[in-house]
Amino acid sequence: MEHRLAANIELPFCNLYYLQEGEGPDIVWIPGGDQTGDVFSAQFAAFSPGYRNTSFDPRGVGRTTSKIPPPWPISDYAADCAALIRQVCEPPVILTGLSMGSLIVQEMALSYPELVRFAIPMGTGGRKSGFFREWEEAEIAFAAAGHSLPADFSVVHYAALTYPSDVLGDDALWQRCRPYVSSAYEARDPKMLAAQWQACVEYDALDRLPHCEVPIHVVAFSQDLQTPPSRGRVVAEAAKHGHFHLLEGLGHFSLFGHKPDVVNACIREIIDSYDLSSSGNRG
């Protein structure tokens, strides 16, 4: 196993905790809301031979501490990520992220294109509307009011939003996937949850994507209840150099515990379509 570095770096507005493992071209993995950087352990293991993998705890979760209180818009999270890349990577990097992390990926491609070779947002959307906006705003209001779900109810509530029926209907598979839901949602600070999710509700990059020079490969999951694939397709179609990849039978968290090999294979195929031998080359 490759040696894994776990460290903190001091940034202007936060003390950022990050993980790094492997050698080679840089891949930066950005976790979703309520998730810490170590959720990508299977991806580090799969890509460490040949790549240097980096992830981090976004503000509001894990071992990262913010020097300023929320609100923290997605642009703040992207600024943290950009500073991390400049200090511990050799840009431009391959950038990928899930859920809230996918919005940070979009913002990085738009605001820091010089740092991004190509972007792979997973389980992403363009702007919140309809049911999805109402659902997240209801969650935010509930948490902002100081309420929190009981731990056992929280796990099953979010499991239904993150895994497809194949997982929920298979007892052994559910036990394998349950820890990913538990670690993210079982014991969360309601105010921090509300802060992260508020950033997601407010984010809207659709009007800027047509001018983005960074290639954007949207990876969507056919059974994703949190961000249905139609939302990701809108992002891919809006982007100047957008591509859409649909993985059948997977849910929002299938990357973790369910079918990581399927998602990893898709990411590897995207990476292999580029010539990484030339610094800054975008294929």
Protein backbone atom coordinates (compact mmCIF):
# COMPACT_ATOMS: atom_id res chain seq x y z
CA MET A 1 0.00 0.00 0.00
CA GLU A 2 1.22 3.48 -0.84
CA HIS A 3 2.17 5.74 2.05
CA ARG A 4 -0.69 8.10 2.86
CA LEU A 5 0.05 11.62 4.03
CA ALA A 6 -2.47 13.20 6.40
CA ALA A 7 -1.79 16.84 7.23
CA ASN A 8 -3.19 20.34 7.74
CA ILE A 9 -2.35 23.49 5.86
CA GLU A 10 -3.06 27.00 7.05
CA LEU A 11 -5.14 28.99 4.56
CA PRO A 12 -6.40 32.57 4.91
CA PHE A 13 -9.86 31.56 6.08
CA CYS A 14 -9.51 27.98 7.31
CA ASN A 15 -7.17 25.30 8.57
CA LEU A 16 -7.63 22.65 5.87
CA TYR A 17 -7.13 18.94 6.56
CA TYR A 18 -6.12 16.85 3.56
CA LEU A 19 -5.00 13.36 2.56
CA GLN A 20 -2.53 12.50 -0.20
CA GLU A 21 -1.28 9.19 -1.56
CA GLY A 22 0.54 7.86 -4.62
CA GLU A 23 2.82 9.27 -7.30
CA GLY A 24 2.16 10.56 -10.81
CA PRO A 25 -0.29 13.01 -12.39
CA ASP A 26 -2.56 14.59 -9.80
CA ILE A 27 -6.18 13.58 -9.22
CA VAL A 28 -8.05 15.67 -6.65
CA TRP A 29 -11.20 14.08 -5.17
CA ILE A 30 -13.78 16.39 -3.56
CA PRO A 31 -16.34 14.82 -1.20
CA GLY A 32 -20.01 15.64 -1.00
CA GLY A 33 -21.89 17.46 1.74
CA ASP A 34 -21.42 15.93 5.20
CA GLN A 35 -18.57 13.75 3.90
CA THR A 36 -14.88 13.79 4.78
CA GLY A 37 -11.98 13.24 2.41
CA ASP A 38 -11.29 9.69 3.61
CA VAL A 39 -14.52 8.50 1.97
CA PHE A 40 -12.46 8.04 -1.22
CA SER A 41 -10.30 5.23 0.20
CA ALA A 42 -11.35 2.78 -2.53
CA GLN A 43 -10.50 5.35 -5.20
CA PHE A 44 -7.10 6.08 -3.64
CA ALA A 45 -6.39 2.35 -3.67
CA ALA A 46 -7.53 1.98 -7.29
CA PHE A 47 -5.65 5.00 -8.67
CA SER A 48 -2.57 5.27 -6.44
CA PRO A 49 -0.51 3.10 -8.82
CA GLY A 50 0.27 5.73 -11.45
CA TYR A 51 -1.44 8.78 -9.92
CA ARG A 52 -1.09 11.04 -6.91
CA ASN A 53 -4.47 11.27 -5.17
CA THR A 54 -5.51 14.14 -2.92
CA SER A 55 -8.71 14.78 -0.99
CA PHE A 56 -9.74 17.03 1.89
CA ASP A 57 -12.39 17.78 4.50
CA PRO A 58 -14.48 20.75 3.27
CA ARG A 59 -15.42 23.49 5.72
CA GLY A 60 -18.15 22.37 8.10
CA VAL A 61 -17.10 18.74 8.50
CA GLY A 62 -14.24 16.58 9.74
CA ARG A 63 -10.89 18.01 10.83
CA THR A 64 -11.00 21.23 8.83
CA THR A 65 -11.71 24.30 10.95
CA SER A 66 -12.99 27.56 9.53
CA LYS A 67 -11.71 30.88 10.83
CA ILE A 68 -14.93 32.60 9.81
CA PRO A 69 -18.53 31.54 10.43
CA PRO A 70 -20.92 30.57 7.63
CA PRO A 71 -22.35 31.37 5.16
CA TRP A 72 -19.69 29.82 2.93
CA PRO A 73 -20.73 29.98 -0.75
CA ILE A 74 -19.37 27.39 -3.18
CA SER A 75 -16.85 30.01 -4.32
CA ASP A 76 -15.29 29.85 -0.82
CA TYR A 77 -14.96 26.08 -1.02
CA ALA A 78 -13.39 26.44 -4.47
CA ALA A 79 -10.91 29.01 -3.14
CA ASP A 80 -9.87 26.51 -0.45
CA CYS A 81 -9.44 23.80 -3.08
CA ALA A 82 -7.44 26.09 -5.34
CA ALA A 83 -5.08 27.00 -2.51
CA LEU A 84 -4.61 23.32 -1.67
CA ILE A 85 -3.81 22.45 -5.29
CA ARG A 86 -1.24 25.24 -5.53
CA GLN A 87 0.52 24.10 -2.37
CA VAL A 88 0.52 20.28 -2.57
CA CYS A 89 -0.09 19.37 -6.25
CA GLU A 90 1.42 20.12 -9.64
CA PRO A 91 -1.38 21.74 -11.64
CA PRO A 92 -3.21 21.39 -13.85
CA VAL A 93 -4.90 18.49 -12.05
CA ILE A 94 -7.64 16.04 -12.86
CA LEU A 95 -10.52 17.21 -10.69
CA THR A 96 -13.48 15.07 -9.65
CA GLY A 97 -16.14 15.35 -6.97
CA LEU A 98 -19.54 14.08 -5.89
CA SER A 99 -22.68 16.02 -4.98
CA MET A 100 -21.59 19.23 -3.22
CA GLY A 101 -18.10 18.30 -4.37
CA SER A 102 -19.35 18.31 -7.96
CA LEU A 103 -20.43 21.94 -7.56
CA ILE A 104 -16.96 22.81 -6.27
CA VAL A 105 -15.59 21.04 -9.36
CA GLN A 106 -17.75 23.22 -11.61
CA GLU A 107 -16.65 26.39 -9.83
CA MET A 108 -13.00 25.37 -10.04
CA ALA A 109 -13.30 24.85 -13.81
CA LEU A 110 -14.91 28.28 -14.14
CA SER A 111 -12.85 30.37 -11.72
CA TYR A 112 -9.49 28.56 -11.74
CA PRO A 113 -9.20 27.01 -15.22
CA GLU A 114 -5.41 27.18 -15.10
CA LEU A 115 -5.46 24.63 -12.26
CA VAL A 116 -7.78 22.09 -13.92
CA ARG A 117 -6.78 19.77 -16.74
CA PHE A 118 -10.32 18.41 -17.04
CA ALA A 119 -13.25 18.10 -14.64
CA ILE A 120 -15.41 15.11 -13.67
CA PRO A 121 -18.43 16.22 -11.61
CA MET A 122 -20.50 13.22 -10.40
CA GLY A 123 -24.11 13.38 -9.29
CA THR A 124 -24.28 17.02 -10.23
CA GLY A 125 -26.84 19.62 -11.26
CA GLY A 126 -27.01 23.14 -12.63
CA ARG A 127 -29.48 25.03 -10.49
CA LYS A 128 -31.94 23.96 -7.83
CA SER A 129 -35.60 24.09 -8.78
CA GLY A 130 -38.88 22.29 -8.22
CA PHE A 131 -38.99 19.34 -5.85
CA PHE A 132 -35.22 19.26 -5.34
CA ARG A 133 -35.07 22.87 -4.19
CA GLU A 134 -38.09 22.39 -1.91
CA TRP A 135 -36.58 19.24 -0.36
CA GLU A 136 -33.17 20.81 0.35
CA GLU A 137 -34.69 24.04 1.66
CA ALA A 138 -36.88 22.00 4.01
CA GLU A 139 -33.81 20.12 5.27
CA ILE A 140 -31.92 23.40 5.74
CA ALA A 141 -34.80 25.05 7.64
CA PHE A 142 -35.15 21.98 9.87
CA ALA A 143 -31.43 21.99 10.72
CA ALA A 144 -31.15 25.76 11.03
CA ALA A 145 -33.92 25.69 13.60
CA GLY A 146 -31.69 23.50 15.75
CA HIS A 147 -33.48 20.25 15.06
CA SER A 148 -31.68 17.03 14.29
CA LEU A 149 -32.96 13.60 13.34
CA PRO A 150 -32.44 10.73 15.79
CA ALA A 151 -29.37 8.75 14.74
CA ASP A 152 -31.23 5.60 13.72
CA PHE A 153 -33.84 7.55 11.75
CA SER A 154 -31.16 9.70 10.10
CA VAL A 155 -29.37 6.64 8.71
CA VAL A 156 -32.46 5.10 7.09
CA HIS A 157 -33.74 8.48 5.90
CA TYR A 158 -30.56 9.32 4.00
CA ALA A 159 -29.99 5.74 2.86
CA ALA A 160 -33.20 5.95 0.83
CA LEU A 161 -31.82 9.08 -0.85
CA THR A 162 -28.35 7.76 -1.55
CA TYR A 163 -28.56 4.08 -2.51
CA PRO A 164 -30.67 2.28 -5.14
CA SER A 165 -33.18 -0.43 -4.31
CA ASP A 166 -30.60 -3.13 -5.12
CA VAL A 167 -28.72 -2.10 -1.98
CA LEU A 168 -31.74 -1.55 0.26
CA GLY A 169 -33.22 -4.92 -0.72
CA ASP A 170 -30.05 -6.94 -0.07
CA ASP A 171 -29.28 -7.33 3.64
CA ALA A 172 -25.61 -8.18 3.16
CA LEU A 173 -25.06 -5.36 0.69
CA TRP A 174 -26.86 -2.92 2.96
CA GLN A 175 -24.55 -3.83 5.85
CA ARG A 176 -21.58 -3.16 3.58
CA CYS A 177 -22.91 0.23 2.51
CA ARG A 178 -24.47 1.35 5.80
CA PRO A 179 -21.21 2.73 7.28
CA TYR A 180 -20.98 5.32 4.48
CA VAL A 181 -24.41 6.71 5.37
CA SER A 182 -23.70 6.47 9.09
CA SER A 183 -20.38 8.33 8.90
CA ALA A 184 -21.94 11.20 6.94
CA TYR A 185 -25.33 11.63 8.59
CA GLU A 186 -25.69 9.75 11.88
CA ALA A 187 -24.17 12.41 14.14
CA ARG A 188 -24.06 15.79 12.38
CA ASP A 189 -24.01 19.31 13.69
CA PRO A 190 -27.32 20.72 12.39
CA LYS A 191 -25.86 24.20 11.84
CA MET A 192 -22.94 22.87 9.81
CA LEU A 193 -25.27 20.68 7.74
CA ALA A 194 -27.45 23.71 7.03
CA ALA A 195 -24.38 25.78 6.09
CA GLN A 196 -23.12 23.25 3.54
CA TRP A 197 -26.51 22.57 2.01
CA GLN A 198 -27.34 26.28 1.79
CA ALA A 199 -24.26 26.71 -0.38
CA CYS A 200 -25.60 23.98 -2.68
CA VAL A 201 -29.07 25.50 -2.95
CA GLU A 202 -27.68 28.91 -3.87
CA TYR A 203 -25.16 27.71 -6.44
CA ASP A 204 -25.96 28.33 -10.12
CA ALA A 205 -23.31 28.12 -12.84
CA LEU A 206 -25.48 27.44 -15.88
CA ASP A 207 -25.09 30.87 -17.44
CA ARG A 208 -21.28 30.68 -17.20
CA LEU A 209 -20.75 27.10 -18.40
CA PRO A 210 -21.05 27.92 -22.12
CA HIS A 211 -17.87 30.01 -21.77
CA CYS A 212 -15.88 27.42 -19.80
CA GLU A 213 -12.75 26.23 -21.63
CA VAL A 214 -12.14 23.27 -19.31
CA PRO A 215 -13.58 19.95 -20.57
CA ILE A 216 -16.37 18.82 -18.23
CA HIS A 217 -17.30 15.14 -18.04
CA VAL A 218 -20.56 14.76 -16.11
CA VAL A 219 -21.02 11.29 -14.59
CA ALA A 220 -24.66 10.57 -13.71
CA PHE A 221 -26.37 7.59 -12.07
CA SER A 222 -29.67 6.26 -13.41
CA GLN A 223 -31.11 5.57 -9.92
CA ASP A 224 -29.88 8.80 -8.32
CA LEU A 225 -32.71 10.24 -6.24
CA GLN A 226 -30.69 13.17 -4.87
CA THR A 227 -29.61 14.41 -8.29
CA PRO A 228 -31.44 12.61 -11.11
CA PRO A 229 -29.45 12.18 -14.33
CA SER A 230 -31.60 14.70 -16.18
CA ARG A 231 -30.06 17.40 -13.97
CA GLY A 232 -26.56 16.32 -14.87
CA ARG A 233 -27.39 16.21 -18.56
CA VAL A 234 -28.35 19.89 -18.38
CA VAL A 235 -24.87 20.71 -17.07
CA ALA A 236 -23.15 18.65 -19.79
CA GLU A 237 -25.23 20.28 -22.52
CA ALA A 238 -24.61 23.79 -21.16
CA ALA A 239 -20.84 23.38 -20.93
CA LYS A 240 -18.79 24.51 -23.92
CA HIS A 241 -16.83 21.24 -23.83
CA GLY A 242 -19.36 19.07 -22.03
CA HIS A 243 -19.67 15.29 -22.08
CA PHE A 244 -22.31 13.09 -20.45
CA HIS A 245 -21.75 9.60 -19.01
CA LEU A 246 -24.71 7.65 -17.60
CA LEU A 247 -24.13 4.63 -15.37
CA GLU A 248 -27.15 2.34 -15.19
CA GLY A 249 -28.48 0.92 -11.92
CA LEU A 250 -26.38 3.13 -9.65
CA GLY A 251 -27.43 5.64 -7.01
CA HIS A 252 -25.93 8.78 -5.52
CA PHE A 253 -23.59 6.85 -3.17
CA SER A 254 -22.92 3.79 -5.37
CA LEU A 255 -19.33 4.99 -5.60
CA PHE A 256 -19.01 3.90 -1.96
CA GLY A 257 -19.47 0.25 -1.04
CA HIS A 258 -21.97 -0.62 -3.77
CA LYS A 259 -20.23 -0.61 -7.15
CA PRO A 260 -17.05 1.45 -6.81
CA ASP A 261 -15.38 -0.60 -9.56
CA VAL A 262 -18.01 0.48 -12.09
CA VAL A 263 -17.54 4.16 -11.26
CA ASN A 264 -13.76 3.81 -11.12
CA ALA A 265 -13.77 2.17 -14.56
CA CYS A 266 -15.75 5.09 -15.99
CA ILE A 267 -13.33 7.60 -14.47
CA ARG A 268 -10.34 5.65 -15.75
CA GLU A 269 -11.84 5.56 -19.26
CA ILE A 270 -12.25 9.33 -19.18
CA ILE A 271 -8.69 9.82 -17.96
CA ASP A 272 -7.29 7.41 -20.54
CA SER A 273 -8.90 9.46 -23.32
CA TYR A 274 -6.41 12.26 -22.58
CA ASP A 275 -2.68 12.50 -23.19
CA LEU A 276 -1.30 13.40 -19.76
CA SER A 277 2.31 13.49 -20.93
CA SER A 278 2.11 17.15 -21.90
CA SER A 279 1.76 19.63 -19.05
CA GLY A 280 -1.44 21.62 -19.39
CA ASN A 281 -2.72 19.55 -22.31
CA ARG A 282 -6.48 19.22 -22.33
CA GLY A 283 -6.73 16.64 -25.09
